Amino acid sequence: MTEELMTIREMCDAYDVTPRTLRFYEAKELLFPNREGQKRLFTKRDRARLKLILRGKRFGFSLEQIRQLLDLYHIGDQQHTQLLKTYEIARERLADMEAQRDELTKAIEDLREQLRWGEKILDSMEQDKYAAE
């Protein structure tokens, strides 16, 4: 990306988001594009923030968590607090994701077992049907 400003269309194309998404993030005070009348112009800072927002959403962070992390950037401690808080939230999120995965794995195993049971019953019914004929 260059240092120049980007229009909403250019942002959408570059980051595979919709104009509505960008306006939503602006309304939630996560992005702060320059305004020229109705035209939004996004800076390098907006682009960096959008990358972090999209990554946070992909990992399942809430918008409030993302906002809090972004707000820590300018604390003046070389992003130590921001990185520490990001690490803490990421560890919690990873634990949640692993628990969800384990629950899903168990549900898949249970469903497979039920399907095997169902196959046996259906096979038995088919055999009984042919035996009766």
C-alpha atoms as a PDB file:
ATOM      1  CA  MET A   1       0.000   0.000   0.000  1.00  0.00           C
ATOM      2  CA  THR A   2       1.156   3.502  -0.675  1.00  0.00           C
ATOM      3  CA  GLU A   3       1.075   6.498   1.637  1.00  0.00           C
ATOM      4  CA  GLU A   4      -1.778   8.001  -0.354  1.00  0.00           C
ATOM      5  CA  LEU A   5      -5.348   8.106   0.788  1.00  0.00           C
ATOM      6  CA  MET A   6      -7.708   5.389  -0.353  1.00  0.00           C
ATOM      7  CA  THR A   7     -11.373   5.735  -1.256  1.00  0.00           C
ATOM      8  CA  ILE A   8     -13.999   3.472   0.199  1.00  0.00           C
ATOM      9  CA  ARG A   9     -14.085   1.493  -3.073  1.00  0.00           C
ATOM     10  CA  GLU A  10     -10.312   1.008  -3.017  1.00  0.00           C
ATOM     11  CA  MET A  11     -10.494  -0.157   0.603  1.00  0.00           C
ATOM     12  CA  CYS A  12     -13.260  -2.603  -0.264  1.00  0.00           C
ATOM     13  CA  ASP A  13     -11.244  -4.021  -3.137  1.00  0.00           C
ATOM     14  CA  ALA A  14      -7.993  -4.190  -1.160  1.00  0.00           C
ATOM     15  CA  TYR A  15      -9.448  -5.841   1.943  1.00  0.00           C
ATOM     16  CA  ASP A  16     -12.433  -7.737   0.532  1.00  0.00           C
ATOM     17  CA  VAL A  17     -14.987  -5.920   2.685  1.00  0.00           C
ATOM     18  CA  THR A  18     -18.188  -4.103   1.833  1.00  0.00           C
ATOM     19  CA  PRO A  19     -18.790  -0.350   2.052  1.00  0.00           C
ATOM     20  CA  ARG A  20     -21.349  -1.140   4.724  1.00  0.00           C
ATOM     21  CA  THR A  21     -18.642  -2.878   6.799  1.00  0.00           C
ATOM     22  CA  LEU A  22     -16.361   0.158   6.576  1.00  0.00           C
ATOM     23  CA  ARG A  23     -19.177   2.523   7.513  1.00  0.00           C
ATOM     24  CA  PHE A  24     -20.089   0.230  10.414  1.00  0.00           C
ATOM     25  CA  TYR A  25     -16.515   0.271  11.744  1.00  0.00           C
ATOM     26  CA  GLU A  26     -16.469   4.034  11.351  1.00  0.00           C
ATOM     27  CA  ALA A  27     -19.747   4.339  13.279  1.00  0.00           C
ATOM     28  CA  LYS A  28     -18.284   2.133  16.025  1.00  0.00           C
ATOM     29  CA  GLU A  29     -15.273   4.486  16.141  1.00  0.00           C
ATOM     30  CA  LEU A  30     -12.798   1.842  15.056  1.00  0.00           C
ATOM     31  CA  LEU A  31     -11.846   3.673  11.857  1.00  0.00           C
ATOM     32  CA  PHE A  32     -11.482   7.415  11.389  1.00  0.00           C
ATOM     33  CA  PRO A  33     -11.348   8.253   7.672  1.00  0.00           C
ATOM     34  CA  ASN A  34     -10.856  11.813   6.518  1.00  0.00           C
ATOM     35  CA  ARG A  35     -14.055  13.319   5.136  1.00  0.00           C
ATOM     36  CA  GLU A  36     -14.413  15.478   2.061  1.00  0.00           C
ATOM     37  CA  GLY A  37     -18.137  16.101   1.963  1.00  0.00           C
ATOM     38  CA  GLN A  38     -19.673  12.648   1.617  1.00  0.00           C
ATOM     39  CA  LYS A  39     -16.397  11.134   0.434  1.00  0.00           C
ATOM     40  CA  ARG A  40     -14.390   9.023   2.891  1.00  0.00           C
ATOM     41  CA  LEU A  41     -10.633   8.893   2.478  1.00  0.00           C
ATOM     42  CA  PHE A  42      -8.758   6.246   4.433  1.00  0.00           C
ATOM     43  CA  THR A  43      -5.210   6.819   5.677  1.00  0.00           C
ATOM     44  CA  LYS A  44      -2.345   4.404   6.252  1.00  0.00           C
ATOM     45  CA  ARG A  45      -3.408   4.327   9.927  1.00  0.00           C
ATOM     46  CA  ASP A  46      -6.958   3.321   8.911  1.00  0.00           C
ATOM     47  CA  ARG A  47      -5.556   0.542   6.757  1.00  0.00           C
ATOM     48  CA  ALA A  48      -3.434  -0.776   9.619  1.00  0.00           C
ATOM     49  CA  ARG A  49      -6.395  -0.607  11.988  1.00  0.00           C
ATOM     50  CA  LEU A  50      -8.633  -2.419   9.486  1.00  0.00           C
ATOM     51  CA  LYS A  51      -6.089  -5.231   9.168  1.00  0.00           C
ATOM     52  CA  LEU A  52      -6.100  -5.630  12.946  1.00  0.00           C
ATOM     53  CA  ILE A  53      -9.903  -5.470  13.110  1.00  0.00           C
ATOM     54  CA  LEU A  54     -10.267  -8.170  10.462  1.00  0.00           C
ATOM     55  CA  ARG A  55      -7.668 -10.375  12.138  1.00  0.00           C
ATOM     56  CA  GLY A  56      -9.355  -9.908  15.513  1.00  0.00           C
ATOM     57  CA  LYS A  57     -12.765 -10.793  14.044  1.00  0.00           C
ATOM     58  CA  ARG A  58     -11.275 -13.873  12.380  1.00  0.00           C
ATOM     59  CA  PHE A  59     -10.008 -15.021  15.772  1.00  0.00           C
ATOM     60  CA  GLY A  60     -13.387 -14.348  17.365  1.00  0.00           C
ATOM     61  CA  PHE A  61     -12.528 -11.233  19.356  1.00  0.00           C
ATOM     62  CA  SER A  62     -15.474  -8.976  20.097  1.00  0.00           C
ATOM     63  CA  LEU A  63     -15.542  -5.490  18.607  1.00  0.00           C
ATOM     64  CA  GLU A  64     -15.230  -4.090  22.123  1.00  0.00           C
ATOM     65  CA  GLN A  65     -12.090  -6.145  22.739  1.00  0.00           C
ATOM     66  CA  ILE A  66     -10.677  -4.977  19.419  1.00  0.00           C
ATOM     67  CA  ARG A  67     -11.468  -1.343  20.272  1.00  0.00           C
ATOM     68  CA  GLN A  68      -9.767  -1.654  23.649  1.00  0.00           C
ATOM     69  CA  LEU A  69      -6.669  -3.153  22.060  1.00  0.00           C
ATOM     70  CA  LEU A  70      -6.512  -0.484  19.358  1.00  0.00           C
ATOM     71  CA  ASP A  71      -6.934   2.253  21.963  1.00  0.00           C
ATOM     72  CA  LEU A  72      -3.865   0.969  23.820  1.00  0.00           C
ATOM     73  CA  TYR A  73      -1.597   1.770  20.856  1.00  0.00           C
ATOM     74  CA  HIS A  74      -0.977   5.371  21.913  1.00  0.00           C
ATOM     75  CA  ILE A  75      -0.290   4.746  25.601  1.00  0.00           C
ATOM     76  CA  GLY A  76       3.377   5.636  25.125  1.00  0.00           C
ATOM     77  CA  ASP A  77       5.037   2.458  26.373  1.00  0.00           C
ATOM     78  CA  GLN A  78       6.165   1.197  22.967  1.00  0.00           C
ATOM     79  CA  GLN A  79       3.016  -0.920  22.702  1.00  0.00           C
ATOM     80  CA  HIS A  80       4.002  -3.078  25.710  1.00  0.00           C
ATOM     81  CA  THR A  81       0.561  -2.752  27.306  1.00  0.00           C
ATOM     82  CA  GLN A  82      -1.158  -3.340  23.974  1.00  0.00           C
ATOM     83  CA  LEU A  83       0.877  -6.475  23.282  1.00  0.00           C
ATOM     84  CA  LEU A  84       0.398  -7.796  26.813  1.00  0.00           C
ATOM     85  CA  LYS A  85      -3.376  -7.298  26.697  1.00  0.00           C
ATOM     86  CA  THR A  86      -3.560  -8.800  23.184  1.00  0.00           C
ATOM     87  CA  TYR A  87      -1.629 -11.822  24.416  1.00  0.00           C
ATOM     88  CA  GLU A  88      -3.990 -12.289  27.381  1.00  0.00           C
ATOM     89  CA  ILE A  89      -7.122 -12.026  25.251  1.00  0.00           C
ATOM     90  CA  ALA A  90      -5.639 -14.320  22.601  1.00  0.00           C
ATOM     91  CA  ARG A  91      -4.784 -16.992  25.200  1.00  0.00           C
ATOM     92  CA  GLU A  92      -8.365 -16.874  26.522  1.00  0.00           C
ATOM     93  CA  ARG A  93      -9.775 -17.043  23.007  1.00  0.00           C
ATOM     94  CA  LEU A  94      -7.537 -19.986  22.117  1.00  0.00           C
ATOM     95  CA  ALA A  95      -8.736 -21.869  25.193  1.00  0.00           C
ATOM     96  CA  ASP A  96     -12.356 -21.162  24.184  1.00  0.00           C
ATOM     97  CA  MET A  97     -11.716 -22.297  20.604  1.00  0.00           C
ATOM     98  CA  GLU A  98     -10.036 -25.503  21.785  1.00  0.00           C
ATOM     99  CA  ALA A  99     -12.966 -26.255  24.090  1.00  0.00           C
ATOM    100  CA  GLN A 100     -15.393 -25.665  21.206  1.00  0.00           C
ATOM    101  CA  ARG A 101     -13.309 -27.945  18.986  1.00  0.00           C
ATOM    102  CA  ASP A 102     -13.336 -30.680  21.630  1.00  0.00           C
ATOM    103  CA  GLU A 103     -17.118 -30.377  22.008  1.00  0.00           C
ATOM    104  CA  LEU A 104     -17.536 -30.520  18.243  1.00  0.00           C
ATOM    105  CA  THR A 105     -15.253 -33.553  17.979  1.00  0.00           C
ATOM    106  CA  LYS A 106     -17.343 -35.334  20.621  1.00  0.00           C
ATOM    107  CA  ALA A 107     -20.591 -34.404  18.848  1.00  0.00           C
ATOM    108  CA  ILE A 108     -19.188 -35.722  15.550  1.00  0.00           C
ATOM    109  CA  GLU A 109     -18.205 -39.005  17.213  1.00  0.00           C
ATOM    110  CA  ASP A 110     -21.676 -39.309  18.758  1.00  0.00           C
ATOM    111  CA  LEU A 111     -23.371 -38.626  15.425  1.00  0.00           C
ATOM    112  CA  ARG A 112     -21.190 -41.192  13.640  1.00  0.00           C
ATOM    113  CA  GLU A 113     -22.160 -43.745  16.274  1.00  0.00           C
ATOM    114  CA  GLN A 114     -25.844 -42.958  15.754  1.00  0.00           C
ATOM    115  CA  LEU A 115     -25.426 -43.274  11.989  1.00  0.00           C
ATOM    116  CA  ARG A 116     -23.751 -46.690  12.401  1.00  0.00           C
ATOM    117  CA  TRP A 117     -26.649 -47.767  14.624  1.00  0.00           C
ATOM    118  CA  GLY A 118     -29.124 -46.457  12.039  1.00  0.00           C
ATOM    119  CA  GLU A 119     -27.365 -48.341   9.234  1.00  0.00           C
ATOM    120  CA  LYS A 120     -27.611 -51.588  11.199  1.00  0.00           C
ATOM    121  CA  ILE A 121     -31.318 -51.074  11.840  1.00  0.00           C
ATOM    122  CA  LEU A 122     -31.982 -50.225   8.183  1.00  0.00           C
ATOM    123  CA  ASP A 123     -29.948 -53.244   7.010  1.00  0.00           C
ATOM    124  CA  SER A 124     -31.889 -55.465   9.399  1.00  0.00           C
ATOM    125  CA  MET A 125     -35.195 -54.076   8.103  1.00  0.00           C
ATOM    126  CA  GLU A 126     -34.117 -54.669   4.509  1.00  0.00           C
ATOM    127  CA  GLN A 127     -33.137 -58.267   5.302  1.00  0.00           C
ATOM    128  CA  ASP A 128     -36.453 -58.842   7.098  1.00  0.00           C
ATOM    129  CA  LYS A 129     -38.301 -57.380   4.104  1.00  0.00           C
ATOM    130  CA  TYR A 130     -36.572 -59.752   1.676  1.00  0.00           C
ATOM    131  CA  ALA A 131     -37.028 -62.715   3.993  1.00  0.00           C
ATOM    132  CA  ALA A 132     -40.779 -62.060   4.140  1.00  0.00           C
ATOM    133  CA  GLU A 133     -41.105 -62.000   0.363  1.00  0.00           C
END
